[in-house]
Amino acid sequence: MSALTIVFTILQVLSGLAVTVIVLMQSGKSAGLSGSISGGADTFLSKGQAKTLDAKLAKATKWFALAFVLLTLILNLI
């Protein structure tokens, strides 16, 4: 195993752990019947939704998942 493979493997494990932790930190999207009733008000009053913690966690999930997939492809090619 070369040093480059070891570095990419460590980065892949760290990104996989980061994706797992970030997904577990997010709140659930389904709030049951009360969530469907108040959904109209939620979309109207959510102008600053991109600044919430859940929005930041969703963005981080996408980036870490992309890094995980790219590292998997790189390790497959090495």
Protein backbone atom coordinates (compact mmCIF):
# COMPACT_ATOMS: atom_id res chain seq x y z
CA MET A 1 0.00 0.00 0.00
CA SER A 2 1.50 3.33 -1.01
CA ALA A 3 1.48 6.46 1.11
CA LEU A 4 -0.96 8.13 -1.29
CA THR A 5 -3.46 5.30 -0.86
CA ILE A 6 -3.18 5.52 2.90
CA VAL A 7 -3.79 9.28 2.84
CA PHE A 8 -6.86 8.92 0.59
CA THR A 9 -8.19 6.09 2.75
CA ILE A 10 -7.87 8.18 5.91
CA LEU A 11 -9.61 11.11 4.19
CA GLN A 12 -12.39 8.82 3.00
CA VAL A 13 -12.96 7.42 6.50
CA LEU A 14 -13.05 10.92 7.96
CA SER A 15 -15.50 12.17 5.33
CA GLY A 16 -17.70 9.12 5.89
CA LEU A 17 -17.74 9.76 9.62
CA ALA A 18 -18.50 13.44 9.00
CA VAL A 19 -21.46 12.57 6.76
CA THR A 20 -22.80 10.19 9.41
CA VAL A 21 -22.48 12.71 12.24
CA ILE A 22 -23.97 15.57 10.21
CA VAL A 23 -26.95 13.49 9.10
CA LEU A 24 -27.61 12.42 12.68
CA MET A 25 -27.48 16.05 13.83
CA GLN A 26 -30.19 17.13 11.40
CA SER A 27 -33.77 17.33 12.59
CA GLY A 28 -36.39 15.13 10.97
CA LYS A 29 -38.22 16.46 7.94
CA SER A 30 -41.56 14.85 8.74
CA ALA A 31 -43.37 16.49 11.61
CA GLY A 32 -46.51 14.40 11.24
CA LEU A 33 -49.96 15.89 10.73
CA SER A 34 -49.13 19.13 12.52
CA GLY A 35 -46.25 19.69 10.11
CA SER A 36 -48.51 19.34 7.09
CA ILE A 37 -51.07 21.76 8.51
CA SER A 38 -48.58 24.46 9.42
CA GLY A 39 -46.54 23.92 6.28
CA GLY A 40 -48.05 26.91 4.46
CA ALA A 41 -47.09 29.32 7.21
CA ASP A 42 -43.69 27.75 7.45
CA THR A 43 -42.85 28.45 3.81
CA PHE A 44 -44.24 32.00 4.04
CA LEU A 45 -42.26 32.91 7.12
CA SER A 46 -39.03 31.16 6.14
CA LYS A 47 -37.29 33.96 4.28
CA GLY A 48 -34.06 33.42 6.21
CA GLN A 49 -34.17 29.64 5.91
CA ALA A 50 -30.70 29.47 4.35
CA LYS A 51 -29.25 30.83 7.59
CA THR A 52 -30.71 28.17 9.87
CA LEU A 53 -28.68 25.38 11.38
CA ASP A 54 -30.58 22.72 9.42
CA ALA A 55 -29.84 24.48 6.14
CA LYS A 56 -26.15 24.70 6.99
CA LEU A 57 -26.11 21.03 7.97
CA ALA A 58 -27.85 20.08 4.70
CA LYS A 59 -25.25 22.01 2.71
CA ALA A 60 -22.41 20.39 4.67
CA THR A 61 -23.96 16.97 4.05
CA LYS A 62 -23.90 17.55 0.31
CA TRP A 63 -20.26 18.66 0.31
CA PHE A 64 -19.01 15.84 2.53
CA ALA A 65 -21.00 13.28 0.54
CA LEU A 66 -19.48 14.62 -2.68
CA ALA A 67 -16.01 14.36 -1.14
CA PHE A 68 -16.76 10.79 -0.05
CA VAL A 69 -17.87 9.78 -3.54
CA LEU A 70 -14.88 11.42 -5.21
CA LEU A 71 -12.46 9.80 -2.78
CA THR A 72 -14.11 6.43 -3.43
CA LEU A 73 -13.64 6.88 -7.17
CA ILE A 74 -10.03 7.98 -6.73
CA LEU A 75 -9.25 4.99 -4.51
CA ASN A 76 -10.86 2.69 -7.05
CA LEU A 77 -8.64 4.07 -9.81
CA ILE A 78 -5.40 3.86 -7.79
